[in-house]
C-alpha cells in the first residue's frame, strides 16, 4: 500500500470508522485536523476505541465528538489492518445510514460528500480499500480517486 510500511511485530490499535451514506448514495469524507499525523488527508471519520468500549460505542462517541451528530443503527461491514509508519491500525468499518443533528466540524476539519471517483485530495491509504469495495458493489469501473490523491510511495 502506498505510504505504508509493513510490520508483523506491532500490535494493531483498534479504530472504529464510520462510513456515513446519505439517501443519494454519497459517502462522507473528512479531512484530518491540523496537528495530527497526515493532517489535511481525507478519510472516513472515526477514532480509537477506549478501554472497555465496543466498536459501536466508540463510533457513537467519536462521531458525536468530531462531527456533532448522533448516529442511528451501526452496520458492521469490514475490517482492514493498515500499517503506517506511526502506527499499525485495525480499522473496523461500519456503515451508517441515519443520523441526527447538524454537522459541526469540532476539530476544524473539512467535510465533503463524495461519489466515485472522489474529488478531494490527498486520500489517506486506509480509505482506499473502502473506495475499492464501493466500486465493486456499485459496478464502478475506472479510478476511485482523482489523479494524485494518495500518499507518495
N, C-alpha and C. Protein backbone atom coordinates (compact mmCIF):
# COMPACT_ATOMS: atom_id res chain seq x y z
N UNK A 1 0.85 -1.18 0.00
CA UNK A 1 0.00 0.00 0.00
C UNK A 1 0.89 1.24 0.00
N UNK A 2 0.58 2.22 -0.79
CA UNK A 2 1.40 3.43 -0.87
C UNK A 2 1.50 4.13 0.46
N UNK A 3 2.73 4.56 0.81
CA UNK A 3 2.93 5.35 2.01
C UNK A 3 2.86 4.57 3.30
N UNK A 4 2.69 3.27 3.23
CA UNK A 4 2.58 2.47 4.43
C UNK A 4 3.78 1.53 4.52
N UNK A 5 4.15 1.19 5.74
CA UNK A 5 5.20 0.21 5.95
C UNK A 5 4.54 -1.05 6.47
N UNK A 6 5.22 -2.17 6.33
CA UNK A 6 4.64 -3.43 6.75
C UNK A 6 5.46 -4.02 7.88
N UNK A 7 4.81 -4.39 8.97
CA UNK A 7 5.44 -4.97 10.13
C UNK A 7 4.47 -5.93 10.78
N UNK A 8 4.97 -7.12 11.12
CA UNK A 8 4.10 -8.08 11.78
C UNK A 8 4.27 -8.02 13.29
N UNK A 9 5.22 -7.24 13.78
CA UNK A 9 5.53 -7.22 15.20
C UNK A 9 4.68 -6.23 16.00
N UNK A 10 4.16 -5.22 15.38
CA UNK A 10 3.40 -4.21 16.11
C UNK A 10 1.97 -4.65 16.33
N UNK A 11 1.47 -4.44 17.53
CA UNK A 11 0.08 -4.76 17.86
C UNK A 11 -0.81 -3.67 17.27
N UNK A 12 -1.83 -4.06 16.53
CA UNK A 12 -2.69 -3.03 15.94
C UNK A 12 -3.55 -2.31 16.98
N UNK A 13 -3.79 -1.04 16.72
CA UNK A 13 -4.69 -0.22 17.51
C UNK A 13 -6.07 -0.32 16.85
N UNK A 14 -7.09 -0.64 17.64
CA UNK A 14 -8.44 -0.75 17.09
C UNK A 14 -9.06 0.62 16.90
N UNK A 15 -9.61 0.83 15.71
CA UNK A 15 -10.21 2.11 15.33
C UNK A 15 -11.60 1.84 14.75
N UNK A 16 -12.60 2.56 15.26
CA UNK A 16 -13.97 2.50 14.73
C UNK A 16 -14.08 3.55 13.63
N UNK A 17 -14.57 3.13 12.46
CA UNK A 17 -14.65 4.04 11.32
C UNK A 17 -16.09 4.07 10.80
N UNK A 18 -16.62 5.28 10.67
CA UNK A 18 -17.99 5.44 10.19
C UNK A 18 -18.04 5.75 8.71
N UNK A 19 -18.73 4.90 7.97
CA UNK A 19 -18.97 5.14 6.56
C UNK A 19 -20.41 5.62 6.46
N UNK A 20 -20.58 6.95 6.56
CA UNK A 20 -21.91 7.54 6.51
C UNK A 20 -22.36 7.66 5.07
N UNK A 21 -23.53 7.11 4.78
CA UNK A 21 -24.05 7.08 3.41
C UNK A 21 -25.41 7.76 3.42
N UNK A 22 -25.56 8.78 2.56
CA UNK A 22 -26.83 9.52 2.53
C UNK A 22 -27.82 8.87 1.57
N UNK A 23 -29.02 9.44 1.49
CA UNK A 23 -30.11 8.87 0.67
C UNK A 23 -29.76 8.84 -0.82
N UNK A 24 -28.82 9.67 -1.25
CA UNK A 24 -28.41 9.69 -2.65
C UNK A 24 -27.22 8.77 -2.92
N UNK A 25 -26.77 8.01 -1.91
CA UNK A 25 -25.65 7.09 -2.09
C UNK A 25 -24.29 7.75 -1.94
N UNK A 26 -24.28 9.03 -1.60
CA UNK A 26 -22.99 9.70 -1.38
C UNK A 26 -22.45 9.30 -0.02
N UNK A 27 -21.13 9.33 0.14
CA UNK A 27 -20.50 8.98 1.40
C UNK A 27 -19.68 10.17 1.90
N UNK A 28 -19.56 10.25 3.22
CA UNK A 28 -18.90 11.39 3.85
C UNK A 28 -17.42 11.12 4.08
N UNK A 29 -16.59 12.05 3.61
CA UNK A 29 -15.17 12.05 3.94
C UNK A 29 -14.87 13.32 4.72
N UNK A 30 -13.93 13.22 5.67
CA UNK A 30 -13.49 14.39 6.42
C UNK A 30 -11.97 14.48 6.35
N UNK A 31 -11.46 15.69 6.49
CA UNK A 31 -10.01 15.87 6.46
C UNK A 31 -9.46 15.69 7.87
N UNK A 32 -8.23 15.22 7.95
CA UNK A 32 -7.58 15.09 9.26
C UNK A 32 -7.17 16.47 9.74
N UNK A 33 -7.44 16.77 11.02
CA UNK A 33 -7.17 18.11 11.54
C UNK A 33 -5.68 18.44 11.64
N UNK A 34 -5.40 19.72 11.65
CA UNK A 34 -4.03 20.18 11.87
C UNK A 34 -3.54 19.65 13.21
N UNK A 35 -2.25 19.30 13.27
CA UNK A 35 -1.67 18.79 14.50
C UNK A 35 -1.71 17.28 14.61
N UNK A 36 -2.45 16.61 13.73
CA UNK A 36 -2.49 15.15 13.73
C UNK A 36 -1.61 14.64 12.60
N UNK A 37 -1.17 13.39 12.74
CA UNK A 37 -0.41 12.75 11.67
C UNK A 37 -1.25 12.78 10.38
N UNK A 38 -0.63 13.08 9.28
CA UNK A 38 -1.30 13.17 7.97
C UNK A 38 -2.38 14.25 7.96
N UNK A 39 -2.14 15.35 8.64
CA UNK A 39 -3.08 16.47 8.64
C UNK A 39 -3.42 16.86 7.20
N UNK A 40 -4.70 17.09 6.95
CA UNK A 40 -5.15 17.50 5.62
C UNK A 40 -5.51 16.35 4.70
N UNK A 41 -5.15 15.13 5.06
CA UNK A 41 -5.54 13.98 4.24
C UNK A 41 -7.00 13.63 4.52
N UNK A 42 -7.69 13.12 3.52
CA UNK A 42 -9.11 12.80 3.62
C UNK A 42 -9.30 11.34 4.02
N UNK A 43 -10.31 11.12 4.87
CA UNK A 43 -10.59 9.79 5.40
C UNK A 43 -12.05 9.70 5.81
N UNK A 44 -12.47 8.50 6.16
CA UNK A 44 -13.78 8.32 6.77
C UNK A 44 -13.63 8.65 8.25
N UNK A 45 -14.60 9.33 8.87
CA UNK A 45 -14.45 9.76 10.26
C UNK A 45 -14.52 8.59 11.25
N UNK A 46 -13.90 8.79 12.38
CA UNK A 46 -13.90 7.79 13.44
C UNK A 46 -12.74 8.01 14.38
N UNK A 47 -12.43 7.00 15.17
CA UNK A 47 -11.32 7.13 16.09
C UNK A 47 -11.08 5.87 16.90
N UNK A 48 -10.05 5.93 17.73
CA UNK A 48 -9.61 4.79 18.53
C UNK A 48 -10.64 4.38 19.56
N UNK A 49 -10.69 3.08 19.79
CA UNK A 49 -11.52 2.54 20.86
C UNK A 49 -10.83 2.83 22.19
N UNK A 50 -11.59 3.28 23.17
CA UNK A 50 -11.08 3.45 24.52
C UNK A 50 -11.25 2.14 25.27
N UNK A 51 -10.52 1.98 26.37
CA UNK A 51 -10.58 0.74 27.16
C UNK A 51 -12.03 0.38 27.49
N UNK A 52 -12.39 -0.86 27.20
CA UNK A 52 -13.72 -1.35 27.52
C UNK A 52 -14.81 -1.01 26.53
N UNK A 53 -14.51 -0.20 25.52
CA UNK A 53 -15.53 0.19 24.53
C UNK A 53 -15.68 -0.87 23.44
N UNK A 54 -16.90 -1.00 22.96
CA UNK A 54 -17.14 -1.79 21.75
C UNK A 54 -16.91 -0.88 20.55
N UNK A 55 -16.85 -1.46 19.37
CA UNK A 55 -16.70 -0.66 18.15
C UNK A 55 -17.88 0.31 18.03
N UNK A 56 -19.09 -0.17 18.27
CA UNK A 56 -20.26 0.70 18.15
C UNK A 56 -20.22 1.85 19.15
N UNK A 57 -19.85 1.57 20.39
CA UNK A 57 -19.76 2.63 21.39
C UNK A 57 -18.72 3.68 21.00
N UNK A 58 -17.57 3.22 20.54
CA UNK A 58 -16.51 4.14 20.12
C UNK A 58 -16.96 4.98 18.94
N UNK A 59 -17.64 4.36 17.98
CA UNK A 59 -18.09 5.10 16.81
C UNK A 59 -19.10 6.17 17.20
N UNK A 60 -20.05 5.82 18.05
CA UNK A 60 -21.04 6.80 18.51
C UNK A 60 -20.35 7.98 19.20
N UNK A 61 -19.40 7.68 20.09
CA UNK A 61 -18.69 8.73 20.82
C UNK A 61 -17.87 9.59 19.87
N UNK A 62 -17.09 8.96 19.00
CA UNK A 62 -16.21 9.70 18.09
C UNK A 62 -16.99 10.60 17.14
N UNK A 63 -18.07 10.09 16.55
CA UNK A 63 -18.82 10.92 15.60
C UNK A 63 -19.53 12.07 16.29
N UNK A 64 -19.92 11.86 17.53
CA UNK A 64 -20.51 12.98 18.29
C UNK A 64 -19.42 14.01 18.62
N UNK A 65 -18.26 13.53 19.10
CA UNK A 65 -17.18 14.44 19.47
C UNK A 65 -16.62 15.21 18.28
N UNK A 66 -16.44 14.52 17.15
CA UNK A 66 -15.81 15.13 15.98
C UNK A 66 -16.78 15.91 15.10
N UNK A 67 -17.99 15.37 14.93
CA UNK A 67 -18.92 15.92 13.94
C UNK A 67 -20.20 16.50 14.54
N UNK A 68 -20.45 16.23 15.82
CA UNK A 68 -21.65 16.77 16.45
C UNK A 68 -22.93 16.06 16.09
N UNK A 69 -22.85 14.85 15.54
CA UNK A 69 -24.07 14.13 15.16
C UNK A 69 -24.22 12.88 16.03
N UNK A 70 -25.47 12.49 16.21
CA UNK A 70 -25.80 11.24 16.89
C UNK A 70 -26.26 10.27 15.81
N UNK A 71 -25.63 9.10 15.78
CA UNK A 71 -25.91 8.16 14.71
C UNK A 71 -26.98 7.16 15.10
N UNK A 72 -27.67 6.64 14.08
CA UNK A 72 -28.66 5.59 14.26
C UNK A 72 -27.97 4.24 14.28
N UNK A 73 -28.59 3.26 13.64
CA UNK A 73 -28.06 1.90 13.64
C UNK A 73 -26.66 1.86 13.01
N UNK A 74 -25.81 1.04 13.62
CA UNK A 74 -24.45 0.82 13.13
C UNK A 74 -24.42 -0.56 12.46
N UNK A 75 -23.96 -0.61 11.22
CA UNK A 75 -23.91 -1.86 10.46
C UNK A 75 -22.46 -2.25 10.23
N UNK A 76 -21.89 -3.15 11.08
CA UNK A 76 -20.50 -3.57 10.85
C UNK A 76 -20.35 -4.10 9.43
N UNK A 77 -19.24 -3.70 8.78
CA UNK A 77 -19.07 -4.02 7.36
C UNK A 77 -17.83 -4.87 7.14
N UNK A 78 -16.67 -4.27 7.29
CA UNK A 78 -15.42 -5.00 7.04
C UNK A 78 -14.35 -4.51 8.00
N UNK A 79 -13.30 -5.33 8.13
CA UNK A 79 -12.15 -4.98 8.96
C UNK A 79 -10.90 -5.05 8.10
N UNK A 80 -10.05 -4.06 8.23
CA UNK A 80 -8.82 -3.97 7.44
C UNK A 80 -7.68 -3.54 8.37
N UNK A 81 -6.54 -4.21 8.26
CA UNK A 81 -5.36 -3.79 9.02
C UNK A 81 -4.45 -3.00 8.09
N UNK A 82 -4.02 -1.83 8.55
CA UNK A 82 -3.14 -0.96 7.75
C UNK A 82 -1.93 -0.61 8.60
N UNK A 83 -0.75 -0.76 8.00
CA UNK A 83 0.49 -0.38 8.66
C UNK A 83 0.93 0.98 8.16
N UNK A 84 0.94 1.95 9.07
CA UNK A 84 1.51 3.26 8.78
C UNK A 84 2.84 3.34 9.51
N UNK A 85 3.65 4.30 9.15
CA UNK A 85 4.93 4.45 9.84
C UNK A 85 4.71 4.71 11.32
N UNK A 86 3.68 5.49 11.68
CA UNK A 86 3.46 5.88 13.08
C UNK A 86 2.64 4.86 13.87
N UNK A 87 1.93 3.96 13.20
CA UNK A 87 1.06 3.02 13.92
C UNK A 87 0.55 1.93 12.99
N UNK A 88 0.22 0.80 13.59
CA UNK A 88 -0.49 -0.26 12.88
C UNK A 88 -1.92 -0.20 13.41
N UNK A 89 -2.89 -0.09 12.51
CA UNK A 89 -4.28 0.08 12.93
C UNK A 89 -5.16 -1.02 12.36
N UNK A 90 -6.14 -1.43 13.18
CA UNK A 90 -7.18 -2.35 12.73
C UNK A 90 -8.42 -1.51 12.57
N UNK A 91 -8.81 -1.28 11.34
CA UNK A 91 -9.93 -0.39 11.02
C UNK A 91 -11.22 -1.20 10.94
N UNK A 92 -12.15 -0.88 11.82
CA UNK A 92 -13.46 -1.53 11.85
C UNK A 92 -14.43 -0.62 11.11
N UNK A 93 -14.66 -0.90 9.83
CA UNK A 93 -15.54 -0.07 9.01
C UNK A 93 -16.99 -0.45 9.26
N UNK A 94 -17.80 0.55 9.57
CA UNK A 94 -19.23 0.35 9.83
C UNK A 94 -20.02 1.32 8.97
N UNK A 95 -21.05 0.80 8.35
CA UNK A 95 -21.94 1.67 7.57
C UNK A 95 -22.97 2.29 8.50
N UNK A 96 -23.27 3.56 8.21
CA UNK A 96 -24.28 4.29 8.97
C UNK A 96 -25.15 5.03 7.96
N UNK A 97 -26.47 4.80 8.03
CA UNK A 97 -27.40 5.41 7.09
C UNK A 97 -28.28 6.49 7.72
N UNK A 98 -28.28 6.56 9.05
CA UNK A 98 -29.14 7.51 9.74
C UNK A 98 -28.36 8.23 10.83
N UNK A 99 -28.63 9.51 10.95
CA UNK A 99 -28.02 10.33 12.00
C UNK A 99 -28.92 11.51 12.25
N UNK A 100 -28.71 12.15 13.40
CA UNK A 100 -29.48 13.34 13.72
C UNK A 100 -28.52 14.41 14.22
N UNK A 101 -28.96 15.65 14.10
CA UNK A 101 -28.12 16.78 14.49
C UNK A 101 -27.46 17.39 13.27
N UNK A 102 -27.04 18.64 13.45
CA UNK A 102 -26.34 19.35 12.36
C UNK A 102 -24.85 19.03 12.44
N UNK A 103 -24.25 18.82 11.29
CA UNK A 103 -22.81 18.56 11.26
C UNK A 103 -22.05 19.80 11.73
N UNK A 104 -21.16 19.60 12.68
CA UNK A 104 -20.27 20.65 13.18
C UNK A 104 -18.86 20.10 13.10
N UNK A 105 -17.97 20.81 12.46
CA UNK A 105 -16.59 20.35 12.37
C UNK A 105 -15.85 20.79 13.63
N UNK A 106 -15.97 19.98 14.68
CA UNK A 106 -15.49 20.35 16.01
C UNK A 106 -13.97 20.31 16.15
N UNK A 107 -13.28 19.74 15.16
CA UNK A 107 -11.81 19.73 15.17
C UNK A 107 -11.26 20.59 14.04
N UNK A 108 -12.08 21.49 13.55
CA UNK A 108 -11.72 22.39 12.45
C UNK A 108 -11.31 21.63 11.20
N UNK A 109 -11.85 20.44 11.03
CA UNK A 109 -11.61 19.67 9.83
C UNK A 109 -12.63 20.10 8.76
N UNK A 110 -12.42 19.64 7.55
CA UNK A 110 -13.38 19.89 6.47
C UNK A 110 -14.17 18.61 6.22
N UNK A 111 -15.33 18.74 5.61
CA UNK A 111 -16.13 17.56 5.24
C UNK A 111 -16.58 17.70 3.80
N UNK A 112 -16.78 16.55 3.15
CA UNK A 112 -17.24 16.56 1.76
C UNK A 112 -18.01 15.28 1.48
N UNK A 113 -19.22 15.44 0.92
CA UNK A 113 -19.99 14.29 0.45
C UNK A 113 -19.45 13.92 -0.92
N UNK A 114 -19.13 12.65 -1.12
CA UNK A 114 -18.44 12.21 -2.33
C UNK A 114 -19.14 11.04 -3.00
N UNK A 115 -18.84 10.87 -4.27
CA UNK A 115 -19.17 9.68 -5.05
C UNK A 115 -17.87 9.28 -5.75
N UNK A 116 -17.87 8.14 -6.41
CA UNK A 116 -16.67 7.70 -7.13
C UNK A 116 -16.61 8.32 -8.51
N UNK A 117 -15.43 8.74 -8.94
CA UNK A 117 -14.19 8.85 -8.18
C UNK A 117 -14.24 10.06 -7.25
N UNK A 118 -13.63 9.93 -6.06
CA UNK A 118 -13.65 11.04 -5.12
C UNK A 118 -12.84 12.20 -5.69
N UNK A 119 -13.28 13.41 -5.38
CA UNK A 119 -12.66 14.61 -5.92
C UNK A 119 -11.78 15.34 -4.92
N UNK A 120 -11.77 14.89 -3.66
CA UNK A 120 -10.93 15.52 -2.65
C UNK A 120 -9.56 14.84 -2.65
N UNK A 121 -8.55 15.58 -2.24
CA UNK A 121 -7.19 15.04 -2.23
C UNK A 121 -6.37 15.77 -1.18
N UNK A 122 -5.37 15.08 -0.66
CA UNK A 122 -5.00 13.67 -0.85
C UNK A 122 -5.85 12.75 0.03
N UNK A 123 -5.92 11.49 -0.35
CA UNK A 123 -6.71 10.49 0.36
C UNK A 123 -5.77 9.59 1.17
N UNK A 124 -6.11 9.36 2.42
CA UNK A 124 -5.31 8.51 3.29
C UNK A 124 -5.37 7.06 2.80
N UNK A 125 -4.25 6.32 2.83
CA UNK A 125 -4.26 4.94 2.34
C UNK A 125 -5.31 4.04 2.99
N UNK A 126 -5.63 4.24 4.27
CA UNK A 126 -6.65 3.42 4.91
C UNK A 126 -8.04 3.63 4.35
N UNK A 127 -8.23 4.67 3.57
CA UNK A 127 -9.51 4.96 2.94
C UNK A 127 -9.66 4.19 1.62
N UNK A 128 -8.56 3.88 0.98
CA UNK A 128 -8.59 3.27 -0.35
C UNK A 128 -9.34 1.94 -0.43
N UNK A 129 -9.19 1.03 0.56
CA UNK A 129 -9.96 -0.21 0.45
C UNK A 129 -11.47 0.03 0.37
N UNK A 130 -11.97 1.00 1.13
CA UNK A 130 -13.42 1.27 1.11
C UNK A 130 -13.85 1.74 -0.26
N UNK A 131 -13.03 2.59 -0.88
CA UNK A 131 -13.37 3.07 -2.22
C UNK A 131 -13.41 1.90 -3.21
N UNK A 132 -12.50 0.96 -3.05
CA UNK A 132 -12.49 -0.24 -3.90
C UNK A 132 -13.75 -1.07 -3.66
N UNK A 133 -14.13 -1.23 -2.37
CA UNK A 133 -15.34 -2.00 -2.07
C UNK A 133 -16.57 -1.34 -2.66
N UNK A 134 -16.65 -0.01 -2.55
CA UNK A 134 -17.76 0.72 -3.16
C UNK A 134 -17.78 0.49 -4.67
N UNK A 135 -16.63 0.55 -5.31
CA UNK A 135 -16.55 0.36 -6.76
C UNK A 135 -17.07 -1.02 -7.14
N UNK A 136 -16.66 -2.05 -6.39
CA UNK A 136 -17.12 -3.41 -6.67
C UNK A 136 -18.63 -3.52 -6.50
N UNK A 137 -19.16 -2.98 -5.42
CA UNK A 137 -20.60 -3.07 -5.16
C UNK A 137 -21.43 -2.29 -6.15
N UNK A 138 -20.91 -1.16 -6.58
CA UNK A 138 -21.68 -0.24 -7.42
C UNK A 138 -21.40 -0.41 -8.90
N UNK A 139 -20.55 -1.38 -9.25
CA UNK A 139 -20.23 -1.60 -10.65
C UNK A 139 -19.44 -0.46 -11.28
N UNK A 140 -18.69 0.25 -10.44
CA UNK A 140 -17.88 1.38 -10.93
C UNK A 140 -16.60 0.84 -11.53
N UNK A 141 -16.33 1.21 -12.77
CA UNK A 141 -15.06 0.85 -13.39
C UNK A 141 -14.25 2.12 -13.55
N UNK A 142 -12.96 1.98 -13.54
CA UNK A 142 -12.10 3.15 -13.63
C UNK A 142 -11.58 3.53 -12.26
N UNK A 143 -10.90 4.67 -12.19
CA UNK A 143 -10.27 5.08 -10.93
C UNK A 143 -11.30 5.40 -9.85
N UNK A 144 -10.89 5.20 -8.59
CA UNK A 144 -11.75 5.54 -7.47
C UNK A 144 -11.38 6.89 -6.87
N UNK A 145 -10.22 7.41 -7.26
CA UNK A 145 -9.77 8.73 -6.81
C UNK A 145 -9.37 9.55 -8.02
N UNK A 146 -9.39 10.86 -7.83
CA UNK A 146 -8.87 11.75 -8.87
C UNK A 146 -7.35 11.56 -8.91
N UNK A 147 -6.67 11.93 -9.97
CA UNK A 147 -5.22 11.73 -10.06
C UNK A 147 -4.48 12.37 -8.87
N UNK A 148 -3.43 11.68 -8.42
CA UNK A 148 -2.52 12.16 -7.37
C UNK A 148 -3.24 12.44 -6.06
N UNK A 149 -4.10 11.48 -5.61
CA UNK A 149 -4.84 11.72 -4.38
C UNK A 149 -4.38 10.84 -3.22
N UNK A 150 -3.29 10.08 -3.37
CA UNK A 150 -2.84 9.24 -2.29
C UNK A 150 -1.46 9.66 -1.84
N UNK A 151 -1.01 9.10 -0.74
CA UNK A 151 0.32 9.39 -0.23
C UNK A 151 1.37 9.00 -1.26
N UNK A 152 2.46 9.71 -1.37
CA UNK A 152 3.52 9.31 -2.29
C UNK A 152 4.15 8.01 -1.84
N UNK A 153 4.66 7.26 -2.79
CA UNK A 153 5.27 5.95 -2.49
C UNK A 153 6.54 6.13 -1.70
